[in-house]
Amino acid sequence: MRFSSPLITVMVGALVVLTPTFAVPDSNNDLVVADAEMKPRGTSSSGYDAEPHCRRHHHKHKKGKKSKAKAKAQAKMNKLNDTQSRISSARHSLYYHKTQQQQATKSSSTTSKASTATKSTPTTSKASTSSTTGSTSSTSSAGSSTSNLSSFEQTILSIHNADRAKHSAAALTWSSTLTSAAAQWASGCKWAHTPNNPYGQNIAAGTSSTFGAADSANMWYDEVKLYNFSSGTYSDATGHFTQMVWKATKQVGCAIQECTAQQMGLASSGTSRFVVCNYDPPGNVIGSFLQNVLSS
C-alpha cells in the first residue's frame, strides 16, 4: 500500500487473525513496502521448485565421481535453501493461527512507515527512552470525559470513532491496558508487530517532526478506497482500515515513541516517531468481514 507526498513517505503495518495472505514487497523511489510474504507450501524463495528437484534425483544418468560429488553438494545446498524458506513460512503460519501480521512499509527520501504501516522527517536526536502513552483512567469513550488523555490519545481516539461512525460501528472506548501494552512494544523501537499478540494491532512510523495520531489514523483509513465491501475478504492492502472499523472491536489503546529512523528501517539518519495501536477484541477474523465491515 503506497502513500506519498513531496515531503513525507509512509509505511503501514497491521495484524490479522487466522489465514490471510501477505502482500509481495513493492518499491520505488518514494516508498518501499516490505510486507511479510507467505508462500504456498512446497515453494522456495531460492528459486528451486520442489517437483522438478525430485525429478532430477530420479533421473538415472551415469556420472563420474566428480559429477556425483558436485550433484551431492548442490542437493545439499538446495535442501538448506528450502529449509530456510520453510522456516520463514512456518513462522508466518503461527501468526495466522492467532493474530496475523501485515508487515511493513519502508520509505526513502523523507521516509515514513506505517502495519499492519508510516515514518517521519528527521530531527537529530536518538531513540527516546520514554513513549507518549496514555491515560490514568482504565477506559474512556469518545462520549465521556477524555480529560485524562494526552493530546495524542484524544486525537487518535476521536479519528477512530469518527471513521467508525461512517460504517455503523459503535465508538471505541480507551483502554489503559491496551495502551500500556502498546507503549511497552513501541519502547523497543522495533519495526514489527508484537509477537503472539492477543490483540489486533496497527503500527505506523514517520520521520516528520509532526508525525503522529492524525497521520497514522488517516493513512490506515485511506485503505477504504481499495476495500471490496461485496466480497468481504481480507487483503493486506486493506487490513489497517478493516481493523479500524471492525464492528465487534470495543476498545483501543495507542502509544507513540521517538526512535531513530534507522531503527524503523528508514533511509533517514535522523529520528522517527513510532505509533502502535492495539484493539480488543481483535478484528480481521476470516469469515466475519461481511458482518463487521459495513459500507458507509
Protein backbone atom coordinates (compact mmCIF):
# COMPACT_ATOMS: atom_id res chain seq x y z
CA MET A 1 0.00 0.00 0.00
CA ARG A 2 1.57 3.26 -1.04
CA PHE A 3 1.22 6.72 0.43
CA SER A 4 3.47 9.53 -0.70
CA SER A 5 3.75 13.29 -0.86
CA PRO A 6 6.55 15.73 -1.79
CA LEU A 7 7.63 15.82 1.85
CA ILE A 8 6.70 12.54 3.53
CA THR A 9 6.55 8.95 2.51
CA VAL A 10 4.81 6.50 4.77
CA MET A 11 4.52 2.84 5.55
CA VAL A 12 1.79 0.81 7.20
CA GLY A 13 1.59 -2.44 9.21
CA ALA A 14 -1.37 -4.43 10.62
CA LEU A 15 -2.19 -7.73 12.30
CA VAL A 16 -4.74 -10.24 11.11
CA VAL A 17 -6.40 -13.24 12.69
CA LEU A 18 -6.33 -16.73 11.07
CA THR A 19 -5.19 -17.31 7.49
CA PRO A 20 -4.93 -14.35 5.13
CA THR A 21 -2.17 -13.91 2.62
CA PHE A 22 0.65 -11.41 2.64
CA ALA A 23 1.40 -8.74 0.07
CA VAL A 24 4.56 -9.10 -2.02
CA PRO A 25 7.18 -6.39 -1.49
CA ASP A 26 6.97 -3.45 -3.85
CA SER A 27 9.24 -0.43 -4.13
CA ASN A 28 10.00 2.84 -5.86
CA ASN A 29 11.98 5.98 -5.07
CA ASP A 30 9.31 7.33 -2.74
CA LEU A 31 8.21 4.30 -0.73
CA VAL A 32 9.27 0.77 -0.10
CA VAL A 33 6.62 -1.60 1.17
CA ALA A 34 8.10 -4.58 2.97
CA ASP A 35 5.23 -6.87 3.79
CA ALA A 36 5.92 -10.32 5.17
CA GLU A 37 5.39 -12.83 2.36
CA MET A 38 3.62 -16.13 2.86
CA LYS A 39 4.40 -18.68 0.16
CA PRO A 40 2.25 -21.73 -0.67
CA ARG A 41 3.55 -24.97 0.75
CA GLY A 42 6.23 -26.56 -1.39
CA THR A 43 7.64 -23.35 -2.82
CA SER A 44 11.03 -21.89 -2.09
CA SER A 45 12.44 -18.38 -2.23
CA SER A 46 15.64 -19.95 -3.53
CA GLY A 47 14.04 -20.34 -6.93
CA TYR A 48 14.09 -24.15 -6.90
CA ASP A 49 10.81 -25.89 -7.46
CA ALA A 50 10.21 -28.97 -5.31
CA GLU A 51 8.77 -31.19 -8.04
CA PRO A 52 11.44 -30.64 -10.71
CA HIS A 53 14.02 -31.08 -7.97
CA CYS A 54 12.57 -34.52 -7.21
CA ARG A 55 12.53 -35.46 -10.88
CA ARG A 56 16.19 -34.58 -11.21
CA HIS A 57 17.02 -37.00 -8.42
CA HIS A 58 15.10 -39.77 -10.19
CA HIS A 59 16.97 -39.40 -13.49
CA LYS A 60 19.35 -42.32 -13.82
CA HIS A 61 22.25 -40.79 -15.70
CA LYS A 62 25.71 -42.22 -15.35
CA LYS A 63 28.05 -39.68 -13.87
CA GLY A 64 31.68 -39.68 -12.90
CA LYS A 65 32.81 -39.28 -9.31
CA LYS A 66 33.28 -35.52 -9.72
CA SER A 67 29.84 -35.08 -11.23
CA LYS A 68 28.25 -37.09 -8.42
CA ALA A 69 30.10 -35.10 -5.77
CA LYS A 70 29.03 -31.84 -7.41
CA ALA A 71 25.43 -33.03 -7.62
CA LYS A 72 25.51 -34.09 -3.97
CA ALA A 73 26.87 -30.70 -2.89
CA GLN A 74 24.23 -28.90 -4.96
CA ALA A 75 21.47 -31.08 -3.49
CA LYS A 76 22.70 -30.23 0.00
CA MET A 77 22.61 -26.52 -0.82
CA ASN A 78 19.11 -26.87 -2.31
CA LYS A 79 17.95 -28.60 0.84
CA LEU A 80 19.42 -25.84 3.01
CA ASN A 81 17.72 -23.16 0.93
CA ASP A 82 14.39 -24.99 1.06
CA THR A 83 14.70 -25.42 4.83
CA GLN A 84 15.34 -21.72 5.32
CA SER A 85 12.33 -20.88 3.20
CA ARG A 86 10.09 -23.28 5.09
CA ILE A 87 11.21 -21.90 8.44
CA SER A 88 10.13 -18.46 7.29
CA SER A 89 6.78 -19.77 6.08
CA ALA A 90 6.21 -21.74 9.28
CA ARG A 91 6.75 -18.60 11.32
CA HIS A 92 4.00 -16.78 9.47
CA SER A 93 1.67 -19.77 9.75
CA LEU A 94 1.88 -19.42 13.52
CA TYR A 95 0.75 -15.82 13.23
CA TYR A 96 -2.22 -16.95 11.15
CA HIS A 97 -3.47 -19.15 13.95
CA LYS A 98 -3.50 -16.22 16.33
CA THR A 99 -3.10 -12.67 15.16
CA GLN A 100 -1.64 -12.35 11.72
CA GLN A 101 0.84 -9.79 10.72
CA GLN A 102 0.93 -7.49 7.75
CA GLN A 103 4.45 -6.22 7.55
CA ALA A 104 5.59 -3.02 6.91
CA THR A 105 6.43 -0.33 4.63
CA LYS A 106 9.71 1.34 4.11
CA SER A 107 10.48 4.74 2.78
CA SER A 108 13.26 6.69 1.22
CA SER A 109 13.61 10.47 0.87
CA THR A 110 11.66 11.97 3.77
CA THR A 111 10.85 8.45 4.75
CA SER A 112 7.92 7.18 6.65
CA LYS A 113 6.33 3.86 7.59
CA ALA A 114 3.04 2.63 8.82
CA SER A 115 1.11 -2.19 9.54
CA THR A 116 -0.05 -3.76 9.89
CA ALA A 117 2.21 1.00 8.31
CA THR A 118 4.33 5.21 8.37
CA LYS A 119 7.53 7.10 9.20
CA SER A 120 8.69 10.87 9.55
CA THR A 121 11.28 13.93 8.59
CA PRO A 122 14.41 13.63 10.62
CA THR A 123 15.40 15.54 13.70
CA THR A 124 18.79 14.74 15.18
CA SER A 125 18.01 13.10 18.49
CA LYS A 126 18.39 9.38 19.05
CA ALA A 127 15.80 6.97 20.35
CA SER A 128 13.94 8.27 23.33
CA THR A 129 13.70 6.17 26.45
CA SER A 130 10.12 7.21 27.08
CA SER A 131 6.99 6.89 25.00
CA THR A 132 3.90 9.01 24.92
CA THR A 133 1.49 6.60 26.48
CA GLY A 134 -1.65 7.18 28.00
CA SER A 135 -4.21 7.89 30.39
CA THR A 136 -4.59 7.36 34.08
CA SER A 137 -8.12 6.03 33.61
CA SER A 138 -8.83 2.45 32.62
CA THR A 139 -11.30 3.21 29.85
CA SER A 140 -12.67 6.32 28.27
CA SER A 141 -15.16 6.64 25.42
CA ALA A 142 -15.49 9.45 22.93
CA GLY A 143 -18.76 10.42 24.54
CA SER A 144 -17.43 10.55 28.08
CA SER A 145 -14.70 12.69 29.60
CA THR A 146 -11.29 12.35 27.98
CA SER A 147 -9.63 14.87 30.27
CA ASN A 148 -7.12 12.28 31.46
CA LEU A 149 -5.97 11.50 27.94
CA SER A 150 -2.99 13.15 26.28
CA SER A 151 -3.45 15.21 23.13
CA PHE A 152 -2.12 12.30 21.07
CA GLU A 153 -4.59 9.88 22.66
CA GLN A 154 -7.57 12.21 22.33
CA THR A 155 -6.80 12.83 18.67
CA ILE A 156 -6.32 9.22 17.64
CA LEU A 157 -9.41 8.06 19.57
CA SER A 158 -11.51 10.82 18.02
CA ILE A 159 -10.39 9.97 14.48
CA HIS A 160 -11.06 6.27 15.03
CA ASN A 161 -14.58 6.93 16.24
CA ALA A 162 -15.39 9.44 13.52
CA ASP A 163 -14.32 6.90 10.90
CA ARG A 164 -16.18 4.06 12.62
CA ALA A 165 -19.38 6.09 12.64
CA LYS A 166 -19.24 6.20 8.84
CA HIS A 167 -19.53 2.41 8.84
CA SER A 168 -22.20 1.97 11.52
CA ALA A 169 -19.68 0.78 14.12
CA ALA A 170 -20.02 1.91 17.74
CA ALA A 171 -17.46 4.26 19.28
CA LEU A 172 -14.42 2.64 20.86
CA THR A 173 -13.50 3.17 24.48
CA TRP A 174 -9.94 3.94 25.52
CA SER A 175 -8.17 1.15 27.41
CA SER A 176 -5.19 1.81 29.63
CA THR A 177 -4.36 -1.90 29.45
CA LEU A 178 -4.10 -1.81 25.67
CA THR A 179 -2.20 1.49 25.89
CA SER A 180 0.32 0.03 28.30
CA ALA A 181 0.90 -2.96 26.02
CA ALA A 182 1.29 -0.64 23.01
CA ALA A 183 3.75 1.59 24.89
CA GLN A 184 5.81 -1.37 26.04
CA TRP A 185 6.17 -2.66 22.49
CA ALA A 186 6.80 0.79 20.99
CA SER A 187 9.57 1.48 23.51
CA GLY A 188 11.65 -1.28 21.92
CA CYS A 189 11.74 0.70 18.64
CA LYS A 190 11.44 -2.46 16.56
CA TRP A 191 9.58 -2.13 13.27
CA ALA A 192 7.40 -5.22 13.61
CA HIS A 193 4.20 -6.38 15.26
CA THR A 194 4.07 -7.68 18.82
CA PRO A 195 4.74 -11.44 18.73
CA ASN A 196 1.83 -13.64 19.87
CA ASN A 197 -0.23 -10.53 20.50
CA PRO A 198 -3.73 -11.36 21.84
CA TYR A 199 -4.97 -8.04 20.40
CA GLY A 200 -5.44 -6.65 16.91
CA GLN A 201 -2.69 -4.19 16.03
CA ASN A 202 -1.90 -1.38 13.60
CA ILE A 203 1.51 0.26 13.52
CA ALA A 204 2.92 3.32 11.78
CA ALA A 205 6.12 5.35 11.75
CA GLY A 206 7.32 8.54 10.11
CA THR A 207 10.29 10.85 10.05
CA SER A 208 8.33 14.10 10.07
CA SER A 209 8.69 16.06 13.29
CA THR A 210 4.88 16.38 13.38
CA PHE A 211 4.12 12.76 12.55
CA GLY A 212 1.62 11.29 14.98
CA ALA A 213 -2.03 10.46 15.62
CA ALA A 214 -3.65 12.10 12.59
CA ASP A 215 -1.05 10.90 10.09
CA SER A 216 -1.26 7.31 11.30
CA ALA A 217 -5.04 7.03 11.58
CA ASN A 218 -5.68 8.80 8.28
CA MET A 219 -3.23 6.54 6.45
CA TRP A 220 -4.88 3.44 7.86
CA TYR A 221 -8.38 4.60 6.99
CA ASP A 222 -7.35 5.69 3.49
CA GLU A 223 -7.28 2.00 2.54
CA VAL A 224 -11.09 2.16 2.37
CA LYS A 225 -10.68 3.12 -1.29
CA LEU A 226 -9.31 -0.35 -2.02
CA TYR A 227 -11.74 -2.44 0.04
CA ASN A 228 -14.39 -4.60 -1.66
CA PHE A 229 -17.45 -4.49 0.60
CA SER A 230 -19.27 -7.06 -1.53
CA SER A 231 -16.72 -9.85 -1.24
CA GLY A 232 -15.98 -9.39 2.46
CA THR A 233 -12.49 -10.84 2.25
CA TYR A 234 -9.19 -9.94 3.86
CA SER A 235 -6.45 -8.20 1.93
CA ASP A 236 -3.05 -6.97 3.08
CA ALA A 237 -3.80 -3.74 1.25
CA THR A 238 -6.86 -3.00 3.42
CA GLY A 239 -6.11 -4.69 6.76
CA HIS A 240 -5.50 -1.45 8.67
CA PHE A 241 -8.80 0.04 7.55
CA THR A 242 -10.83 -3.08 8.35
CA GLN A 243 -9.34 -3.28 11.85
CA MET A 244 -10.16 0.38 12.50
CA VAL A 245 -13.86 -0.02 11.64
CA TRP A 246 -14.33 -3.65 12.77
CA LYS A 247 -17.76 -3.63 14.36
CA ALA A 248 -17.03 -6.21 17.07
CA THR A 249 -13.96 -4.34 18.35
CA LYS A 250 -14.82 -2.39 21.51
CA GLN A 251 -11.58 -0.93 22.88
CA VAL A 252 -8.40 0.69 21.61
CA GLY A 253 -5.15 1.82 23.21
CA CYS A 254 -2.28 3.53 21.40
CA ALA A 255 1.19 4.88 22.15
CA ILE A 256 3.79 6.93 20.30
CA GLN A 257 7.54 6.56 20.74
CA GLU A 258 10.50 8.51 19.40
CA CYS A 259 13.04 6.21 17.76
CA THR A 260 15.85 6.58 15.29
CA ALA A 261 14.92 6.42 11.62
CA GLN A 262 17.37 3.56 11.23
CA GLN A 263 15.54 1.52 13.87
CA MET A 264 12.37 1.90 11.86
CA GLY A 265 14.13 0.82 8.67
CA LEU A 266 14.08 4.27 7.15
CA ALA A 267 16.72 5.78 4.90
CA SER A 268 16.99 8.93 7.00
CA SER A 269 19.75 9.28 9.59
CA GLY A 270 17.59 11.33 11.95
CA THR A 271 14.73 10.45 14.26
CA SER A 272 11.33 8.94 13.62
CA ARG A 273 8.09 8.53 15.55
CA PHE A 274 6.61 5.07 16.01
CA VAL A 275 2.84 4.68 16.57
CA VAL A 276 1.32 1.44 17.88
CA CYS A 277 -2.42 0.81 18.38
CA ASN A 278 -3.90 -2.32 19.98
CA TYR A 279 -7.55 -3.38 19.51
CA ASP A 280 -9.77 -5.65 21.60
CA PRO A 281 -11.48 -7.85 20.60
CA PRO A 282 -9.19 -8.15 17.58
CA GLY A 283 -10.63 -7.66 14.11
CA ASN A 284 -9.77 -9.11 10.70
CA VAL A 285 -11.22 -12.51 11.57
CA ILE A 286 -11.52 -14.61 8.44
CA GLY A 287 -15.15 -15.40 7.65
CA SER A 288 -16.53 -12.45 9.63
CA PHE A 289 -15.89 -9.48 7.34
CA LEU A 290 -19.39 -9.07 5.89
CA GLN A 291 -20.97 -8.59 9.31
CA ASN A 292 -18.16 -6.46 10.75
CA VAL A 293 -17.03 -4.17 7.93
CA LEU A 294 -20.06 -2.28 6.65
CA SER A 295 -20.21 0.14 3.74
CA SER A 296 -20.66 3.82 4.51
